[in-house]
Amino acid sequence: MLDKIVIVGNGIAALSAIKAIREVDEDSEIHLFGEEAFYPYNRVRLSKGLLSILQEDKILLQKREWYDDNNVNLYVGSKIVSIDTDKKVVKLFDDGLISYTKLLLAGGSSNNKPSIDGIDKSGVYTLRTLQDAWDIMDGLKTCQTVLIIGGGVQGLETAWVLTQMDIKVILANNSDRLMRKQLDDKSSKILENKVAEKGVKILFNANVSEILGSDKVEGFKLSSGETYECDAVIYSIGTSPNIDLLKGAPINTNRGVIVNERMETNVEGIYAAGDIAEYNGNIFGLWNIAIEQGKVAGYNIAGKDTKYKYVPPVTTLNAFNLSLFSMGIVDESKVTDTLVEENMEENTYKKILIKDKYVKGAIVIGNIRLSPALKSAIEKKTSLEGIDYKNMPIDGLIQVLKTK
C-alpha cells in the first residue's frame, strides 16, 4: 500500500524531505501545503534583496516544473489549522479535510512581536515573508529615518540595505554588543565599528517602551525616558515555532515540536523538521540545520532508517563591507585551546576554538575563504593529533586541514 504523505509548510526543510523521500520512494503521494500565496522560495534572500526588485520567480527554491516532475501536489495559499491524529486528517482554513498515512510538520516559525505600546501603528514592519518585503519597500519610499529593533543578522542586513538607500538608521539592541551569541567581544567590536562608520546610530542595552505618533509612526521612546524621531520601525527580535495548529492534538510540544533523532514525534507516523522542531531542547532556526533535519525526516518517512547527527550552527554576514563567519562553539570556557590572530586596523580577525585536539568552533572576519576548511573540520570531527597547531599560524593550520 502506497503512503499518502502530507507536509505542512513549504520551506527548505519540507523540500529537503521531499528530495529524500523521492530518492527512496518514487510512487507514494506527496501533498505539500503552504500558507503563503507563493511557490516555495528562499526566505534567506529577503533581507539581502531589499535593494532590488524582489520577484517571486527569482528566489524560488525549485523551478515550478520541479513539483510536477517529482509528483508533488502543491497547494499554495492553503493554511492547515488543526490535526486529528485519531482520524489521521488535517483540517484546512476553509474546513476542507485531507487524510494522511504519514505527516511531516515543517511549518517553520514566525517573528516575535515585541510588547511595546504603539507596535500596531502604521509604519511598523517586520520581515518574514515576501509580502513583508514588498510592504517594507513600498512603505519606506518617503522615509528619512528608520528604527530597527534587534541587532541580529536580519536586523543588520536590513540596516545595511537602508543605509545604501540614504535612509538614516537607528539600531536598538537590547544587549551590550552585536551578535552576542555568534561573536566574542573583539569580533563584535569590529562589527560595531564598521556599522557605526556607515552612519548607523547604535543604542546598546536599549529597551524600546513606546512607538510615538497618533496613527502613524513619528518616533519612539526608551524605558530610560529618551525619545527619538523616526518615520518607520522594523522589528527583528527572534522567532517562535508555529505550533498553534497542534492545540488539542496529543503531539508533545515544549517551545517547539519535540522530536527524537529520527525526527519522529511521540505520535507514530508524524514527524517534524526545521524551525518548528525541538531536538534535545534546542530550536536552531538555521538554514543548514533545517536542510539536514528535513533530509532525515524524509528518509525515515520513506522507510530508510536514518538518525540525525548534530550539525554545528553556522552564521554568515556580508554587510557594511565586512564578511563574517561564525560556526560551532564560540565560548572559550567550553574548549581547551584557543588560537587567535587579529588586526583591528584592517578589520580582520581569526579565532579557532579547539577541545581535546578537535576543532569545535571558529570566528572569521575578513578572509572567509578560510571558512570551508574550518566548516569541514568541525563537521567531520577532524583530529589535530600530531599537528603542532599551537606553534603555527592559523593560515598554516588551515592548509593542513585542507589535506585531511
Protein backbone atom coordinates (compact mmCIF):
# COMPACT_ATOMS: atom_id res chain seq x y z
CA MET A 1 0.00 0.00 0.00
CA LEU A 2 1.35 3.39 -1.00
CA ASP A 3 1.64 6.12 1.60
CA LYS A 4 -0.23 9.40 1.43
CA ILE A 5 2.27 11.89 2.83
CA VAL A 6 1.03 15.31 3.91
CA ILE A 7 3.63 18.03 4.56
CA VAL A 8 2.61 21.14 6.49
CA GLY A 9 4.83 24.05 5.45
CA ASN A 10 6.81 24.53 2.26
CA GLY A 11 10.22 25.88 3.30
CA ILE A 12 13.67 24.38 2.92
CA ALA A 13 13.05 21.60 5.50
CA ALA A 14 9.99 20.43 3.57
CA LEU A 15 11.74 20.43 0.20
CA SER A 16 14.76 18.63 1.64
CA ALA A 17 12.38 15.98 2.97
CA ILE A 18 10.73 15.58 -0.42
CA LYS A 19 14.08 15.07 -2.12
CA ALA A 20 14.98 12.39 0.42
CA ILE A 21 11.60 10.67 0.05
CA ARG A 22 11.89 10.57 -3.72
CA GLU A 23 15.37 9.03 -3.51
CA VAL A 24 13.75 6.01 -1.87
CA ASP A 25 10.10 6.12 -2.90
CA GLU A 26 9.01 7.42 -6.30
CA ASP A 27 5.35 6.46 -6.05
CA SER A 28 3.76 7.48 -2.74
CA GLU A 29 1.51 10.52 -2.83
CA ILE A 30 3.02 13.77 -1.53
CA HIS A 31 0.77 16.71 -0.67
CA LEU A 32 2.65 19.91 0.17
CA PHE A 33 0.75 22.77 1.85
CA GLY A 34 1.99 26.35 2.12
CA GLU A 35 0.17 29.21 3.80
CA GLU A 36 1.58 31.92 1.54
CA ALA A 37 0.30 32.53 -1.99
CA PHE A 38 3.72 31.82 -3.50
CA TYR A 39 5.67 28.81 -4.66
CA PRO A 40 8.32 27.81 -2.08
CA TYR A 41 11.03 30.46 -2.04
CA ASN A 42 14.33 31.23 -0.36
CA ARG A 43 13.45 33.23 2.76
CA VAL A 44 17.13 33.97 3.44
CA ARG A 45 17.20 36.14 0.33
CA LEU A 46 14.59 38.60 1.58
CA SER A 47 16.72 40.98 3.64
CA LYS A 48 19.60 40.68 1.17
CA GLY A 49 17.32 41.56 -1.75
CA LEU A 50 15.52 44.62 -0.43
CA LEU A 51 17.58 46.90 -2.68
CA SER A 52 16.45 45.02 -5.77
CA ILE A 53 13.01 44.30 -7.14
CA LEU A 54 12.21 41.10 -5.29
CA GLN A 55 10.45 38.90 -7.80
CA GLU A 56 8.98 35.57 -6.80
CA ASP A 57 10.49 33.67 -9.73
CA LYS A 58 13.99 34.98 -8.92
CA ILE A 59 14.09 33.46 -5.41
CA LEU A 60 12.28 30.14 -5.84
CA LEU A 61 13.81 27.11 -4.10
CA GLN A 62 12.93 24.99 -7.12
CA LYS A 63 11.58 25.78 -10.56
CA ARG A 64 7.82 25.46 -10.86
CA GLU A 65 8.02 22.37 -13.04
CA TRP A 66 10.05 20.53 -10.36
CA TYR A 67 6.86 19.74 -8.44
CA ASP A 68 5.21 18.00 -11.38
CA ASP A 69 8.47 16.26 -12.27
CA ASN A 70 8.62 14.82 -8.73
CA ASN A 71 4.92 14.01 -8.50
CA VAL A 72 4.28 16.56 -5.73
CA ASN A 73 0.81 18.02 -5.22
CA LEU A 74 1.49 21.64 -4.22
CA TYR A 75 -1.17 23.78 -2.54
CA VAL A 76 -0.32 27.48 -2.11
CA GLY A 77 -2.41 29.85 -0.01
CA SER A 78 -3.62 26.83 1.95
CA LYS A 79 -3.33 27.07 5.72
CA ILE A 80 -3.75 23.94 7.82
CA VAL A 81 -5.42 24.91 11.09
CA SER A 82 -5.68 21.64 13.02
CA ILE A 83 -4.80 17.95 13.07
CA ASP A 84 -6.92 14.96 14.10
CA THR A 85 -4.38 12.23 14.86
CA ASP A 86 -7.06 9.61 15.55
CA LYS A 87 -8.76 10.01 12.19
CA LYS A 88 -5.45 10.91 10.50
CA VAL A 89 -6.77 14.03 8.80
CA VAL A 90 -5.68 17.67 8.68
CA LYS A 91 -8.20 20.49 8.55
CA LEU A 92 -7.74 23.41 6.17
CA PHE A 93 -8.68 27.05 6.76
CA ASP A 94 -11.77 26.55 4.56
CA ASP A 95 -12.89 23.49 6.60
CA GLY A 96 -11.63 21.10 3.96
CA LEU A 97 -10.18 17.81 5.23
CA ILE A 98 -7.17 15.93 3.86
CA SER A 99 -6.34 12.42 5.04
CA TYR A 100 -2.79 11.14 5.50
CA THR A 101 -0.89 7.99 6.40
CA LYS A 102 2.26 9.95 7.32
CA LEU A 103 2.58 13.58 8.29
CA LEU A 104 5.53 15.97 8.35
CA LEU A 105 5.29 19.18 10.37
CA ALA A 106 7.59 21.71 8.70
CA GLY A 107 5.61 24.90 9.24
CA GLY A 108 8.61 26.91 10.41
CA SER A 109 8.34 29.85 12.75
CA SER A 110 7.02 33.40 12.94
CA ASN A 111 8.72 36.59 14.00
CA ASN A 112 8.22 37.51 17.64
CA LYS A 113 6.22 40.69 18.08
CA PRO A 114 7.59 42.96 20.82
CA SER A 115 5.24 44.01 23.62
CA ILE A 116 5.57 47.74 23.02
CA ASP A 117 2.90 50.42 23.24
CA GLY A 118 2.06 51.53 19.70
CA ILE A 119 3.53 48.49 17.95
CA ASP A 120 0.41 48.26 15.76
CA LYS A 121 0.75 51.77 14.37
CA SER A 122 1.01 52.38 10.64
CA GLY A 123 4.67 52.36 9.66
CA VAL A 124 5.70 49.39 11.82
CA TYR A 125 7.00 46.40 9.88
CA THR A 126 8.65 43.03 10.29
CA LEU A 127 10.38 40.88 7.67
CA ARG A 128 9.40 37.24 7.41
CA THR A 129 7.60 36.80 4.10
CA LEU A 130 7.91 38.02 0.53
CA GLN A 131 4.80 40.14 1.08
CA ASP A 132 6.50 41.70 4.14
CA ALA A 133 9.45 42.65 1.95
CA TRP A 134 7.19 44.24 -0.63
CA ASP A 135 5.34 46.15 2.10
CA ILE A 136 8.60 47.45 3.57
CA MET A 137 9.95 48.67 0.25
CA ASP A 138 6.66 50.35 -0.58
CA GLY A 139 6.28 51.91 2.87
CA LEU A 140 9.83 53.29 3.11
CA LYS A 141 9.79 55.24 -0.16
CA THR A 142 9.39 58.58 1.61
CA CYS A 143 11.06 57.73 4.94
CA GLN A 144 14.13 59.56 6.20
CA THR A 145 14.80 57.77 9.50
CA VAL A 146 14.03 54.14 10.39
CA LEU A 147 14.32 52.42 13.76
CA ILE A 148 15.41 48.78 13.63
CA ILE A 149 14.70 46.83 16.80
CA GLY A 150 17.11 43.90 17.06
CA GLY A 151 20.84 43.56 16.39
CA GLY A 152 20.89 40.07 14.89
CA VAL A 153 21.80 39.09 11.33
CA GLN A 154 18.49 40.11 9.78
CA GLY A 155 18.42 43.44 11.58
CA LEU A 156 21.98 44.18 10.47
CA GLU A 157 21.36 43.14 6.87
CA THR A 158 18.28 45.35 6.77
CA ALA A 159 20.22 48.26 8.29
CA TRP A 160 22.91 47.83 5.62
CA VAL A 161 20.34 47.93 2.81
CA LEU A 162 18.68 51.06 4.20
CA THR A 163 21.97 52.94 4.56
CA GLN A 164 22.61 52.28 0.88
CA MET A 165 19.25 53.93 0.19
CA ASP A 166 20.44 57.04 2.09
CA ILE A 167 17.98 56.37 4.89
CA LYS A 168 19.18 57.22 8.40
CA VAL A 169 19.12 54.12 10.61
CA ILE A 170 18.86 53.82 14.38
CA LEU A 171 19.54 50.32 15.68
CA ALA A 172 18.15 49.42 19.12
CA ASN A 173 19.93 46.41 20.60
CA ASN A 174 18.83 45.03 23.97
CA SER A 175 22.30 43.72 24.91
CA ASP A 176 25.69 45.39 25.27
CA ARG A 177 27.08 44.19 21.92
CA LEU A 178 26.04 42.97 18.47
CA MET A 179 25.51 39.28 17.62
CA ARG A 180 26.23 38.22 21.17
CA LYS A 181 25.51 34.51 20.53
CA GLN A 182 27.75 34.22 17.47
CA LEU A 183 30.69 36.53 18.26
CA ASP A 184 33.12 37.24 21.07
CA ASP A 185 33.90 40.71 22.41
CA LYS A 186 36.63 41.61 19.92
CA SER A 187 34.88 40.40 16.78
CA SER A 188 31.69 42.09 17.92
CA LYS A 189 33.61 45.34 18.36
CA ILE A 190 34.96 45.11 14.80
CA LEU A 191 31.42 44.70 13.54
CA GLU A 192 30.18 47.58 15.70
CA ASN A 193 32.86 49.90 14.33
CA LYS A 194 32.00 49.07 10.72
CA VAL A 195 28.29 49.58 11.33
CA ALA A 196 28.90 52.93 13.02
CA GLU A 197 31.22 54.01 10.18
CA LYS A 198 28.24 53.90 7.82
CA GLY A 199 26.29 56.32 10.00
CA VAL A 200 24.08 53.85 11.86
CA LYS A 201 23.34 55.03 15.39
CA ILE A 202 23.54 52.00 17.69
CA LEU A 203 21.70 52.10 21.01
CA PHE A 204 23.03 49.36 23.30
CA ASN A 205 21.09 47.94 26.26
CA ALA A 206 18.14 49.74 24.73
CA ASN A 207 14.60 48.78 25.66
CA VAL A 208 12.05 50.45 23.38
CA SER A 209 8.99 51.11 25.54
CA GLU A 210 6.73 53.04 23.16
CA ILE A 211 6.24 53.86 19.49
CA LEU A 212 5.26 57.51 19.31
CA GLY A 213 2.75 59.14 16.98
CA SER A 214 -1.01 59.41 16.61
CA ASP A 215 -1.85 56.83 13.96
CA LYS A 216 1.47 56.69 12.14
CA VAL A 217 4.99 56.30 13.49
CA GLU A 218 6.60 59.61 14.45
CA GLY A 219 9.27 58.43 16.88
CA PHE A 220 10.00 56.12 19.79
CA LYS A 221 10.73 56.22 23.49
CA LEU A 222 13.15 54.12 25.51
CA SER A 223 12.47 52.81 29.01
CA SER A 224 15.17 55.25 30.15
CA GLY A 225 12.90 58.09 29.04
CA GLU A 226 14.95 59.16 25.99
CA THR A 227 12.94 59.89 22.84
CA TYR A 228 13.97 59.89 19.18
CA GLU A 229 12.27 60.82 15.93
CA CYS A 230 11.75 58.28 13.15
CA ASP A 231 9.34 57.64 10.27
CA ALA A 232 9.14 53.84 10.45
CA VAL A 233 10.03 50.86 12.63
CA ILE A 234 11.22 47.38 11.60
CA TYR A 235 11.48 44.78 14.35
CA SER A 236 13.56 41.59 14.27
CA ILE A 237 13.82 40.09 17.75
CA GLY A 238 13.77 36.36 17.13
CA THR A 239 11.16 33.80 16.18
CA SER A 240 8.76 31.28 17.71
CA PRO A 241 7.75 27.92 16.17
CA ASN A 242 4.32 27.77 14.53
CA ILE A 243 2.69 25.21 16.81
CA ASP A 244 -0.78 26.74 17.20
CA LEU A 245 -2.29 24.16 14.84
CA LEU A 246 -1.38 21.44 17.36
CA LYS A 247 -3.76 22.67 20.06
CA GLY A 248 -5.83 19.69 21.19
CA ALA A 249 -3.57 17.20 19.42
CA PRO A 250 -1.61 14.65 21.52
CA ILE A 251 1.71 15.68 19.92
CA ASN A 252 4.29 16.61 22.55
CA THR A 253 5.49 20.21 22.41
CA ASN A 254 7.61 22.49 24.51
CA ARG A 255 8.76 25.60 22.70
CA GLY A 256 8.58 23.57 19.50
CA VAL A 257 7.51 20.08 18.42
CA ILE A 258 9.61 17.59 20.37
CA VAL A 259 11.37 15.05 18.14
CA ASN A 260 13.86 12.21 18.55
CA GLU A 261 16.96 11.52 16.46
CA ARG A 262 14.80 10.19 13.62
CA MET A 263 12.77 13.42 13.64
CA GLU A 264 9.78 11.45 14.94
CA THR A 265 7.25 12.94 17.32
CA ASN A 266 5.64 10.88 20.07
CA VAL A 267 2.78 10.01 17.68
CA GLU A 268 3.53 7.22 15.23
CA GLY A 269 3.76 8.35 11.62
CA ILE A 270 4.15 12.05 12.49
CA TYR A 271 7.50 13.81 12.04
CA ALA A 272 8.80 17.37 12.39
CA ALA A 273 11.80 19.21 10.94
CA GLY A 274 13.25 22.68 10.63
CA ASP A 275 12.38 25.76 12.66
CA ILE A 276 9.33 24.07 14.22
CA ALA A 277 11.27 21.08 15.59
CA GLU A 278 12.82 20.91 19.05
CA TYR A 279 15.61 18.36 19.37
CA ASN A 280 17.45 17.80 22.66
CA GLY A 281 15.93 21.02 23.95
CA ASN A 282 17.23 23.10 21.03
CA ILE A 283 15.49 25.03 18.27
CA PHE A 284 18.16 26.40 15.98
CA GLY A 285 16.26 28.27 13.29
CA LEU A 286 19.18 27.92 10.89
CA TRP A 287 19.24 27.03 7.20
CA ASN A 288 21.87 24.27 7.28
CA ILE A 289 20.19 22.53 10.20
CA ALA A 290 16.74 22.71 8.58
CA ILE A 291 18.15 21.04 5.46
CA GLU A 292 19.67 18.17 7.45
CA GLN A 293 16.61 17.65 9.63
CA GLY A 294 14.34 17.66 6.59
CA LYS A 295 16.53 15.07 4.90
CA VAL A 296 16.50 12.79 7.96
CA ALA A 297 12.73 13.12 8.30
CA GLY A 298 12.23 12.35 4.61
CA TYR A 299 14.38 9.22 4.70
CA ASN A 300 12.54 7.87 7.73
CA ILE A 301 9.14 8.67 6.23
CA ALA A 302 10.19 6.64 3.18
CA GLY A 303 11.37 3.73 5.35
CA LYS A 304 15.12 4.33 5.23
CA ASP A 305 16.24 4.26 8.87
CA THR A 306 18.33 7.38 9.40
CA LYS A 307 19.45 9.23 12.52
CA TYR A 308 20.09 12.93 12.85
CA LYS A 309 23.67 13.81 13.67
CA TYR A 310 24.45 17.10 15.34
CA VAL A 311 25.08 19.86 12.82
CA PRO A 312 27.06 22.80 14.24
CA PRO A 313 25.23 26.11 13.78
CA VAL A 314 26.64 28.33 11.02
CA THR A 315 26.12 32.08 10.72
CA THR A 316 27.38 34.27 7.90
CA LEU A 317 27.02 38.00 7.37
CA ASN A 318 28.04 40.08 4.37
CA ALA A 319 27.21 43.69 5.15
CA PHE A 320 28.86 47.05 5.87
CA ASN A 321 31.76 45.99 3.60
CA LEU A 322 32.53 43.20 6.03
CA SER A 323 32.44 39.42 5.60
CA LEU A 324 31.85 37.38 8.72
CA PHE A 325 31.67 33.65 9.51
CA SER A 326 30.82 32.02 12.83
CA MET A 327 30.35 28.32 13.50
CA GLY A 328 30.02 25.93 16.39
CA ILE A 329 31.21 26.76 19.91
CA VAL A 330 32.41 30.35 20.36
CA ASP A 331 32.60 30.30 24.17
CA GLU A 332 36.23 29.90 25.32
CA SER A 333 35.15 28.38 28.64
CA LYS A 334 33.87 25.32 26.78
CA VAL A 335 37.13 24.44 25.00
CA THR A 336 40.72 23.57 25.93
CA ASP A 337 42.70 25.65 23.40
CA THR A 338 42.10 28.90 21.55
CA LEU A 339 44.06 30.28 18.59
CA VAL A 340 43.61 33.98 17.79
CA GLU A 341 45.03 36.31 15.16
CA GLU A 342 43.73 39.85 14.81
CA ASN A 343 44.37 43.14 13.05
CA MET A 344 41.90 45.72 14.30
CA GLU A 345 43.18 48.35 11.85
CA GLU A 346 42.43 46.10 8.87
CA ASN A 347 39.24 44.73 10.47
CA THR A 348 40.43 41.13 10.26
CA TYR A 349 40.01 38.53 12.96
CA LYS A 350 40.55 34.78 13.12
CA LYS A 351 39.74 32.61 16.08
CA ILE A 352 39.74 28.81 16.26
CA LEU A 353 38.38 27.05 19.31
CA ILE A 354 39.74 23.55 19.98
CA LYS A 355 38.75 20.91 22.51
CA ASP A 356 40.78 17.75 23.03
CA LYS A 357 42.51 18.23 19.65
CA TYR A 358 39.30 18.70 17.67
CA VAL A 359 38.15 21.99 16.13
CA LYS A 360 34.86 22.85 17.83
CA GLY A 361 34.24 26.40 16.68
CA ALA A 362 35.54 29.33 14.67
CA ILE A 363 35.04 33.04 14.09
CA VAL A 364 36.46 34.63 10.95
CA ILE A 365 36.13 38.27 9.88
CA GLY A 366 37.76 39.34 6.65
CA ASN A 367 39.04 36.42 4.59
CA ILE A 368 36.12 34.00 4.90
CA ARG A 369 37.67 31.84 2.17
CA LEU A 370 39.09 30.05 5.18
CA SER A 371 35.60 29.06 6.28
CA PRO A 372 35.03 25.95 4.09
CA ALA A 373 38.08 24.18 5.55
CA LEU A 374 37.04 25.10 9.09
CA LYS A 375 33.46 24.06 8.44
CA SER A 376 34.63 20.70 7.11
CA ALA A 377 36.97 20.14 10.08
CA ILE A 378 34.17 20.84 12.56
CA GLU A 379 31.56 18.74 10.78
CA LYS A 380 33.87 15.80 10.05
CA LYS A 381 35.46 15.96 13.53
CA THR A 382 38.94 16.06 12.03
CA SER A 383 41.60 15.15 14.60
CA LEU A 384 44.55 17.51 15.14
CA GLU A 385 46.60 14.68 16.64
CA GLY A 386 50.25 15.06 15.60
CA ILE A 387 49.78 18.66 14.40
CA ASP A 388 51.74 21.33 16.27
CA TYR A 389 48.83 23.76 15.90
CA LYS A 390 49.88 25.89 18.89
CA ASN A 391 53.08 26.93 17.14
CA MET A 392 51.88 27.62 13.60
CA PRO A 393 49.91 30.50 12.03
CA ILE A 394 46.21 29.92 11.57
CA ASP A 395 46.57 30.04 7.78
CA GLY A 396 49.14 27.24 8.09
CA LEU A 397 46.71 25.16 10.13
CA ILE A 398 44.01 25.79 7.51
CA GLN A 399 46.30 24.43 4.80
CA VAL A 400 46.90 21.31 6.87
CA LEU A 401 43.16 20.89 7.41
CA LYS A 402 42.56 21.09 3.67
CA THR A 403 44.63 17.94 3.24
CA LYS A 404 42.69 15.96 5.82
